[in-house]
């Protein structure tokens, strides 16, 4: 357990001893609820996938197919709703600066190699033991704030007055069907969005249909591109990944699946690394695991890796048959509907911090770290380092004041 005041040690106690080598693997479920949960992270992934493809000129079929394969491998490996997400810092930089694909590939290879070293030298384990739970919760709150801001500012207003009506109906469906096991909310909301898109499809916009095959990258990154990517892409991304992709994801697994054997940061970091070392040479996006993605799948019904396998299958089919024109493909999922899915995911992520509301100091630190992570430059790195330092300084001061 974690401490409730700065006087106590801020570490987890070891969980029950479980020999994962003899424990039977958790089953993969393919129910309606798993299928609904499969779309719980679409509001996060789709804009980044399409945005990077359009900005960089990467082959859309290759990007979707590689992304889909990685989803399926993650679901099979973890047997949990452990989805794969685009690396957000890298994607944002790629979209804003229109990076060349080899530079993005170089960034993915660098973060993959660095994470592999961190995971297998014990440094990730040390970090997990050192960072207090209040700071991890703050990183989750920061992620929730970012997702909610994105939903409210970009997606919900994107269709004007009609869009707000669609969003209101979608949100009403989510609230009404949130406990319904026969009619999962996410399926109904996605269906509503596709129907709305098809009814209002512009006559001058081609439908995103047609069979296509992936294309391997034209060339390997140069040494100069590796050097540039290390500063431009890898440094900001690694700080974000340590907080959200590794520590916060490990905590979400403990929160949502306490009956499972404890998931180590070494394993999360290793699969993170291997995914990037695999994706870059194939022409895929740099990727990570993400706490918000898991919460999104879980919130809409997923309880096993089946949802991630199904999501990967959808992305494979989309890559082969639907994304010749990424902008047209994105029209199938209107912004207001994606915004509702994103907003629900954001609230679910932030609610994970409710277990420390009664712990005054921890809760104040969580809020401070959350706001910093969401809105400050290099917010996740600042929240991770400054929040941890603040925790231990406050603990030392408190101990010094005791008689």
Protein backbone atom coordinates (compact mmCIF):
# COMPACT_ATOMS: atom_id res chain seq x y z
CA UNK A 1 0.00 0.00 0.00
CA UNK A 2 0.98 3.60 -0.35
CA UNK A 3 1.31 6.01 2.48
CA UNK A 4 -1.53 8.36 3.34
CA UNK A 5 0.69 11.13 4.69
CA UNK A 6 4.15 12.38 3.82
CA UNK A 7 5.39 10.76 7.07
CA UNK A 8 4.86 7.28 5.67
CA UNK A 9 6.77 5.39 3.05
CA UNK A 10 5.26 5.89 -0.37
CA UNK A 11 5.66 2.43 -1.76
CA UNK A 12 3.57 -0.58 -2.62
CA UNK A 13 3.76 -3.74 -0.59
CA UNK A 14 4.41 -6.84 -2.61
CA UNK A 15 1.33 -8.67 -3.78
CA UNK A 16 0.64 -12.34 -3.21
CA UNK A 17 3.18 -14.74 -4.57
CA UNK A 18 1.99 -16.02 -7.94
CA UNK A 19 3.91 -18.37 -10.18
CA UNK A 20 2.86 -17.09 -13.58
CA UNK A 21 4.70 -19.98 -15.25
CA UNK A 22 2.18 -22.51 -13.94
CA UNK A 23 -0.92 -20.33 -13.68
CA UNK A 24 -3.34 -20.96 -16.57
CA UNK A 25 -3.64 -18.01 -18.98
CA UNK A 26 -6.69 -15.82 -18.57
CA UNK A 27 -9.35 -16.54 -21.20
CA UNK A 28 -9.90 -14.30 -24.20
CA UNK A 29 -13.56 -13.29 -24.39
CA UNK A 30 -15.33 -12.26 -27.57
CA UNK A 31 -18.72 -11.15 -26.24
CA UNK A 32 -20.79 -8.14 -27.20
CA UNK A 33 -19.33 -6.24 -24.27
CA UNK A 34 -15.81 -7.01 -25.44
CA UNK A 35 -16.76 -5.81 -28.91
CA UNK A 36 -18.20 -2.60 -27.45
CA UNK A 37 -15.10 -2.07 -25.31
CA UNK A 38 -12.95 -2.49 -28.40
CA UNK A 39 -13.99 1.01 -29.53
CA UNK A 40 -13.40 2.66 -26.15
CA UNK A 41 -10.13 4.23 -27.25
CA UNK A 42 -11.11 5.15 -30.81
CA UNK A 43 -11.58 8.81 -29.90
CA UNK A 44 -7.92 9.01 -28.87
CA UNK A 45 -6.35 6.91 -31.61
CA UNK A 46 -8.19 7.90 -34.77
CA UNK A 47 -7.36 11.64 -34.82
CA UNK A 48 -3.68 10.91 -34.18
CA UNK A 49 -3.48 8.16 -36.80
CA UNK A 50 -5.17 10.27 -39.46
CA UNK A 51 -3.36 13.45 -38.44
CA UNK A 52 0.10 11.89 -38.68
CA UNK A 53 -0.69 10.18 -42.01
CA UNK A 54 -1.92 13.42 -43.57
CA UNK A 55 0.93 15.54 -42.17
CA UNK A 56 3.84 13.19 -42.94
CA UNK A 57 2.68 11.34 -46.05
CA UNK A 58 3.09 7.90 -44.45
CA UNK A 59 1.31 5.08 -46.26
CA UNK A 60 -2.14 4.85 -44.61
CA UNK A 61 -2.64 1.13 -45.22
CA UNK A 62 0.74 0.31 -43.70
CA UNK A 63 0.11 2.50 -40.66
CA UNK A 64 -3.29 0.94 -39.94
CA UNK A 65 -2.17 -2.64 -40.58
CA UNK A 66 0.92 -2.40 -38.37
CA UNK A 67 -1.11 -0.66 -35.66
CA UNK A 68 -3.76 -3.38 -35.87
CA UNK A 69 -1.22 -6.23 -35.65
CA UNK A 70 0.36 -4.65 -32.56
CA UNK A 71 -3.08 -4.38 -30.93
CA UNK A 72 -3.72 -8.07 -31.50
CA UNK A 73 -0.30 -9.08 -30.16
CA UNK A 74 -0.86 -6.96 -27.04
CA UNK A 75 -4.25 -8.55 -26.38
CA UNK A 76 -2.82 -12.05 -26.83
CA UNK A 77 0.25 -11.35 -24.68
CA UNK A 78 -1.48 -9.71 -21.71
CA UNK A 79 -4.97 -11.28 -21.86
CA UNK A 80 -6.12 -7.88 -20.57
CA UNK A 81 -7.70 -4.88 -22.32
CA UNK A 82 -4.18 -3.50 -22.79
CA UNK A 83 -4.44 -1.53 -26.03
CA UNK A 84 -1.69 0.10 -28.04
CA UNK A 85 -1.72 3.86 -28.65
CA UNK A 86 0.30 6.23 -30.83
CA UNK A 87 3.07 7.98 -28.93
CA UNK A 88 1.29 11.26 -28.21
CA UNK A 89 4.26 13.63 -27.92
CA UNK A 90 5.81 12.32 -31.13
CA UNK A 91 2.48 12.38 -32.96
CA UNK A 92 1.83 15.97 -31.91
CA UNK A 93 5.29 17.08 -33.05
CA UNK A 94 4.95 15.16 -36.33
CA UNK A 95 1.57 16.78 -37.07
CA UNK A 96 2.67 20.31 -36.17
CA UNK A 97 6.00 20.22 -38.06
CA UNK A 98 5.11 17.80 -40.91
CA UNK A 99 8.07 15.52 -40.22
CA UNK A 100 9.48 13.20 -42.85
CA UNK A 101 8.59 9.53 -42.11
CA UNK A 102 12.24 8.41 -41.66
CA UNK A 103 12.70 10.98 -38.89
CA UNK A 104 9.63 9.63 -37.10
CA UNK A 105 10.94 6.09 -37.55
CA UNK A 106 14.26 7.13 -36.02
CA UNK A 107 12.43 8.52 -32.99
CA UNK A 108 10.53 5.27 -32.55
CA UNK A 109 13.71 3.19 -32.73
CA UNK A 110 15.45 5.43 -30.18
CA UNK A 111 12.65 5.32 -27.59
CA UNK A 112 12.33 1.59 -28.12
CA UNK A 113 16.03 1.02 -27.47
CA UNK A 114 16.08 3.35 -24.44
CA UNK A 115 13.03 1.71 -22.89
CA UNK A 116 14.49 -1.75 -23.44
CA UNK A 117 17.60 -0.71 -21.51
CA UNK A 118 15.59 0.90 -18.70
CA UNK A 119 13.33 -2.13 -18.36
CA UNK A 120 16.11 -4.68 -18.21
CA UNK A 121 18.64 -2.88 -16.02
CA UNK A 122 16.34 -2.41 -13.04
CA UNK A 123 15.96 1.35 -13.54
CA UNK A 124 12.23 1.10 -14.26
CA UNK A 125 11.76 -1.00 -11.15
CA UNK A 126 13.63 1.57 -9.08
CA UNK A 127 11.46 4.33 -10.52
CA UNK A 128 8.29 2.38 -9.69
CA UNK A 129 9.43 1.98 -6.09
CA UNK A 130 10.44 5.63 -5.76
CA UNK A 131 7.51 7.56 -7.27
CA UNK A 132 4.66 7.90 -4.74
CA UNK A 133 1.14 6.86 -5.62
CA UNK A 134 -0.11 10.45 -5.30
CA UNK A 135 2.15 11.46 -8.21
CA UNK A 136 1.02 8.52 -10.34
CA UNK A 137 -2.58 9.52 -9.64
CA UNK A 138 -1.68 13.07 -10.62
CA UNK A 139 -0.36 11.88 -13.97
CA UNK A 140 -3.65 10.06 -14.51
CA UNK A 141 -5.62 13.19 -13.59
CA UNK A 142 -3.47 15.18 -16.02
CA UNK A 143 -4.22 12.71 -18.79
CA UNK A 144 -7.93 12.92 -18.00
CA UNK A 145 -7.82 16.72 -18.12
CA UNK A 146 -6.07 16.62 -21.50
CA UNK A 147 -8.59 14.18 -22.94
CA UNK A 148 -11.53 16.20 -21.60
CA UNK A 149 -10.07 19.43 -22.97
CA UNK A 150 -9.58 17.82 -26.38
CA UNK A 151 -13.15 16.52 -26.38
CA UNK A 152 -14.70 19.84 -25.33
CA UNK A 153 -12.61 22.14 -27.51
CA UNK A 154 -12.05 20.16 -30.68
CA UNK A 155 -14.51 17.32 -31.13
CA UNK A 156 -17.83 18.31 -29.59
CA UNK A 157 -18.04 21.70 -31.42
CA UNK A 158 -16.79 20.30 -34.74
CA UNK A 159 -20.23 19.94 -36.38
CA UNK A 160 -21.87 23.08 -35.04
CA UNK A 161 -25.43 22.99 -33.72
CA UNK A 162 -26.28 19.61 -35.26
CA UNK A 163 -23.15 18.17 -33.75
CA UNK A 164 -24.15 19.26 -30.26
CA UNK A 165 -27.49 17.53 -30.71
CA UNK A 166 -25.78 14.32 -31.85
CA UNK A 167 -23.36 14.57 -28.92
CA UNK A 168 -26.23 15.06 -26.46
CA UNK A 169 -28.04 12.01 -27.84
CA UNK A 170 -24.82 9.97 -27.72
CA UNK A 171 -24.11 10.99 -24.14
CA UNK A 172 -27.69 10.17 -23.17
CA UNK A 173 -27.28 6.71 -24.69
CA UNK A 174 -24.07 6.16 -22.75
CA UNK A 175 -25.73 7.13 -19.47
CA UNK A 176 -28.88 5.10 -20.18
CA UNK A 177 -27.06 1.96 -21.34
CA UNK A 178 -24.04 2.09 -19.05
CA UNK A 179 -25.12 -1.04 -17.12
CA UNK A 180 -26.88 -2.81 -20.00
CA UNK A 181 -25.15 -6.10 -20.86
CA UNK A 182 -27.41 -6.91 -23.80
CA UNK A 183 -27.03 -3.59 -25.62
CA UNK A 184 -23.52 -2.16 -24.94
CA UNK A 185 -23.44 1.63 -25.06
CA UNK A 186 -20.34 2.00 -27.24
CA UNK A 187 -21.80 -0.11 -30.04
CA UNK A 188 -24.96 1.98 -30.15
CA UNK A 189 -23.00 5.25 -30.08
CA UNK A 190 -20.64 4.14 -32.85
CA UNK A 191 -23.62 2.99 -34.91
CA UNK A 192 -25.29 6.36 -34.37
CA UNK A 193 -22.14 8.15 -35.55
CA UNK A 194 -21.76 6.09 -38.72
CA UNK A 195 -25.47 6.55 -39.55
CA UNK A 196 -25.18 10.31 -39.03
CA UNK A 197 -22.07 10.40 -41.23
CA UNK A 198 -23.63 8.44 -44.07
CA UNK A 199 -26.81 10.52 -44.09
CA UNK A 200 -24.84 13.76 -44.32
CA UNK A 201 -22.03 12.48 -46.57
CA UNK A 202 -20.93 15.31 -48.94
CA UNK A 203 -21.50 14.59 -52.61
CA UNK A 204 -18.02 15.84 -53.53
CA UNK A 205 -16.19 13.56 -51.05
CA UNK A 206 -15.27 10.07 -52.23
CA UNK A 207 -16.25 7.11 -50.07
CA UNK A 208 -13.21 5.50 -48.38
CA UNK A 209 -13.48 2.06 -50.02
CA UNK A 210 -11.08 -0.08 -52.07
CA UNK A 211 -8.62 -2.94 -51.50
CA UNK A 212 -5.01 -1.97 -50.78
CA UNK A 213 -1.77 -3.59 -49.61
CA UNK A 214 0.86 -2.24 -47.18
CA UNK A 215 4.04 -0.63 -48.52
CA UNK A 216 7.43 -0.90 -46.82
CA UNK A 217 9.34 2.35 -46.10
CA UNK A 218 11.33 3.76 -49.00
CA UNK A 219 14.52 4.18 -46.98
CA UNK A 220 16.17 3.76 -43.56
CA UNK A 221 16.83 6.85 -41.37
CA UNK A 222 20.24 8.49 -41.76
CA UNK A 223 22.66 9.15 -38.90
CA UNK A 224 21.73 12.84 -39.03
CA UNK A 225 18.04 11.94 -38.68
CA UNK A 226 18.83 9.73 -35.68
CA UNK A 227 20.68 12.64 -34.07
CA UNK A 228 17.84 15.08 -34.72
CA UNK A 229 15.18 12.61 -33.57
CA UNK A 230 16.95 11.99 -30.26
CA UNK A 231 16.51 15.65 -29.28
CA UNK A 232 13.33 16.61 -31.12
CA UNK A 233 11.27 13.45 -30.48
CA UNK A 234 12.80 11.03 -28.00
CA UNK A 235 13.51 13.32 -25.04
CA UNK A 236 9.98 14.76 -24.64
CA UNK A 237 8.40 11.37 -25.35
CA UNK A 238 10.36 9.30 -22.84
CA UNK A 239 9.30 11.54 -19.94
CA UNK A 240 5.65 11.19 -20.92
CA UNK A 241 6.00 7.44 -21.42
CA UNK A 242 7.59 6.81 -18.04
CA UNK A 243 4.68 8.47 -16.29
CA UNK A 244 1.67 7.46 -18.36
CA UNK A 245 2.66 4.40 -20.39
CA UNK A 246 4.53 2.57 -17.64
CA UNK A 247 3.79 3.72 -14.08
CA UNK A 248 0.17 4.79 -14.60
CA UNK A 249 -0.62 1.73 -16.71
CA UNK A 250 0.77 -0.58 -14.04
CA UNK A 251 -1.41 1.22 -11.48
CA UNK A 252 -4.55 0.93 -13.65
CA UNK A 253 -4.04 -2.83 -13.95
CA UNK A 254 -3.80 -3.05 -10.15
CA UNK A 255 -6.96 -0.92 -9.81
CA UNK A 256 -9.13 -2.73 -12.35
CA UNK A 257 -7.78 -6.28 -12.11
CA UNK A 258 -6.63 -6.77 -8.49
CA UNK A 259 -7.20 -10.52 -8.78
CA UNK A 260 -4.53 -10.88 -11.44
CA UNK A 261 -0.87 -11.48 -10.72
CA UNK A 262 0.92 -8.12 -10.25
CA UNK A 263 2.06 -6.68 -13.56
CA UNK A 264 5.67 -5.52 -13.44
CA UNK A 265 6.99 -2.35 -15.00
CA UNK A 266 9.75 -4.45 -16.53
CA UNK A 267 7.21 -6.35 -18.60
CA UNK A 268 5.34 -3.21 -19.66
CA UNK A 269 8.59 -1.48 -20.59
CA UNK A 270 9.82 -4.50 -22.52
CA UNK A 271 6.69 -4.84 -24.66
CA UNK A 272 6.70 -1.06 -25.20
CA UNK A 273 10.26 -1.34 -26.48
CA UNK A 274 9.71 -4.37 -28.69
CA UNK A 275 6.62 -2.82 -30.31
CA UNK A 276 8.61 0.24 -31.38
CA UNK A 277 11.59 -1.78 -32.56
CA UNK A 278 9.14 -3.79 -34.68
CA UNK A 279 6.91 -0.95 -35.96
CA UNK A 280 9.54 1.48 -37.27
CA UNK A 281 11.19 -0.83 -39.84
CA UNK A 282 7.75 -1.81 -41.15
CA UNK A 283 6.54 1.77 -41.66
CA UNK A 284 4.28 1.95 -38.62
CA UNK A 285 3.80 4.71 -36.08
CA UNK A 286 5.78 4.79 -32.81
CA UNK A 287 3.47 3.36 -30.14
CA UNK A 288 3.03 2.72 -26.43
CA UNK A 289 0.68 1.22 -23.89
CA UNK A 290 -1.53 3.78 -22.17
CA UNK A 291 -3.50 3.93 -18.93
CA UNK A 292 -6.27 5.94 -20.57
CA UNK A 293 -6.69 3.39 -23.34
CA UNK A 294 -7.14 0.55 -20.87
CA UNK A 295 -9.67 2.58 -18.88
CA UNK A 296 -11.55 3.37 -22.11
CA UNK A 297 -11.83 -0.30 -23.06
CA UNK A 298 -12.81 -1.28 -19.51
CA UNK A 299 -15.38 1.51 -19.15
CA UNK A 300 -17.30 0.35 -22.22
CA UNK A 301 -17.36 -3.30 -21.19
CA UNK A 302 -14.02 -5.01 -21.91
CA UNK A 303 -12.73 -7.47 -19.32
CA UNK A 304 -10.15 -9.45 -21.31
CA UNK A 305 -7.68 -9.13 -24.14
CA UNK A 306 -10.46 -10.05 -26.53
CA UNK A 307 -11.45 -6.42 -26.93
CA UNK A 308 -7.93 -5.49 -28.04
CA UNK A 309 -7.79 -8.42 -30.48
CA UNK A 310 -11.13 -7.32 -31.94
CA UNK A 311 -9.94 -3.73 -32.17
CA UNK A 312 -6.82 -4.89 -33.96
CA UNK A 313 -8.94 -6.88 -36.40
CA UNK A 314 -11.05 -3.79 -37.14
CA UNK A 315 -7.90 -1.76 -37.81
CA UNK A 316 -6.55 -4.47 -40.11
CA UNK A 317 -9.74 -4.47 -42.16
CA UNK A 318 -9.77 -0.67 -42.20
CA UNK A 319 -6.20 -0.64 -43.45
CA UNK A 320 -6.84 -3.12 -46.24
CA UNK A 321 -10.21 -1.76 -47.41
CA UNK A 322 -11.07 1.68 -46.01
CA UNK A 323 -8.22 4.15 -45.56
CA UNK A 324 -7.09 5.00 -49.06
CA UNK A 325 -8.21 8.54 -48.24
CA UNK A 326 -7.66 8.94 -44.46
CA UNK A 327 -9.72 12.14 -44.28
CA UNK A 328 -12.71 10.37 -45.85
CA UNK A 329 -12.29 7.45 -43.46
CA UNK A 330 -12.31 9.80 -40.49
CA UNK A 331 -15.66 11.18 -41.68
CA UNK A 332 -17.22 7.81 -40.84
CA UNK A 333 -16.72 8.68 -37.16
CA UNK A 334 -18.04 12.24 -36.61
CA UNK A 335 -16.23 14.48 -34.18
CA UNK A 336 -19.12 14.87 -31.70
CA UNK A 337 -19.41 11.09 -31.31
CA UNK A 338 -15.65 10.69 -30.83
CA UNK A 339 -15.82 13.57 -28.37
CA UNK A 340 -18.42 11.77 -26.24
CA UNK A 341 -16.31 8.58 -26.17
CA UNK A 342 -13.26 10.66 -25.27
CA UNK A 343 -15.10 12.57 -22.54
CA UNK A 344 -16.38 9.38 -20.92
CA UNK A 345 -12.85 7.96 -20.99
CA UNK A 346 -11.48 11.18 -19.46
CA UNK A 347 -13.94 11.10 -16.55
CA UNK A 348 -13.21 7.42 -15.90
CA UNK A 349 -9.46 8.07 -15.81
CA UNK A 350 -9.80 10.98 -13.37
CA UNK A 351 -12.12 8.99 -11.10
CA UNK A 352 -9.27 6.58 -10.41
CA UNK A 353 -7.91 9.23 -8.03
CA UNK A 354 -10.95 9.02 -5.75
CA UNK A 355 -9.16 6.56 -3.47
CA UNK A 356 -6.98 9.34 -2.06
CA UNK A 357 -9.58 12.11 -1.74
CA UNK A 358 -9.66 11.68 2.03
CA UNK A 359 -5.87 11.92 2.28
CA UNK A 360 -5.47 15.69 2.34
CA UNK A 361 -1.78 16.04 1.48
CA UNK A 362 -1.81 13.27 -1.11
CA UNK A 363 -4.91 14.68 -2.78
CA UNK A 364 -3.46 18.21 -2.94
CA UNK A 365 -0.29 16.84 -4.52
CA UNK A 366 -2.34 14.78 -6.99
CA UNK A 367 -4.28 17.86 -8.11
CA UNK A 368 -1.10 19.93 -8.47
CA UNK A 369 0.60 17.19 -10.49
CA UNK A 370 -2.52 16.74 -12.62
CA UNK A 371 -2.77 20.40 -13.58
CA UNK A 372 0.98 20.54 -14.22
CA UNK A 373 0.96 17.42 -16.38
CA UNK A 374 -2.01 18.63 -18.42
CA UNK A 375 -1.11 22.25 -19.07
CA UNK A 376 2.57 23.03 -18.32
CA UNK A 377 5.32 22.75 -20.95
CA UNK A 378 6.82 19.25 -20.65
CA UNK A 379 4.13 18.79 -18.02
CA UNK A 380 4.46 15.06 -17.48
CA UNK A 381 8.22 15.26 -16.87
CA UNK A 382 7.79 18.23 -14.54
CA UNK A 383 4.95 16.56 -12.63
CA UNK A 384 6.89 13.31 -12.29
CA UNK A 385 10.09 14.88 -11.00
CA UNK A 386 8.74 17.86 -9.04
CA UNK A 387 5.88 15.86 -7.51
CA UNK A 388 8.22 13.14 -6.29
CA UNK A 389 10.68 15.66 -4.85
CA UNK A 390 7.84 17.55 -3.12
CA UNK A 391 6.56 14.34 -1.53
CA UNK A 392 9.91 13.38 -0.02
CA UNK A 393 10.79 16.93 1.07
CA UNK A 394 7.44 17.25 2.84
CA UNK A 395 7.96 13.89 4.51
CA UNK A 396 11.42 14.89 5.75
CA UNK A 397 10.13 18.22 7.07
CA UNK A 398 7.30 16.48 8.88
CA UNK A 399 9.66 14.01 10.48
CA UNK A 400 12.00 16.81 11.57
CA UNK A 401 9.10 18.56 13.31
CA UNK A 402 8.17 15.52 15.34
CA UNK A 403 9.53 15.47 18.93
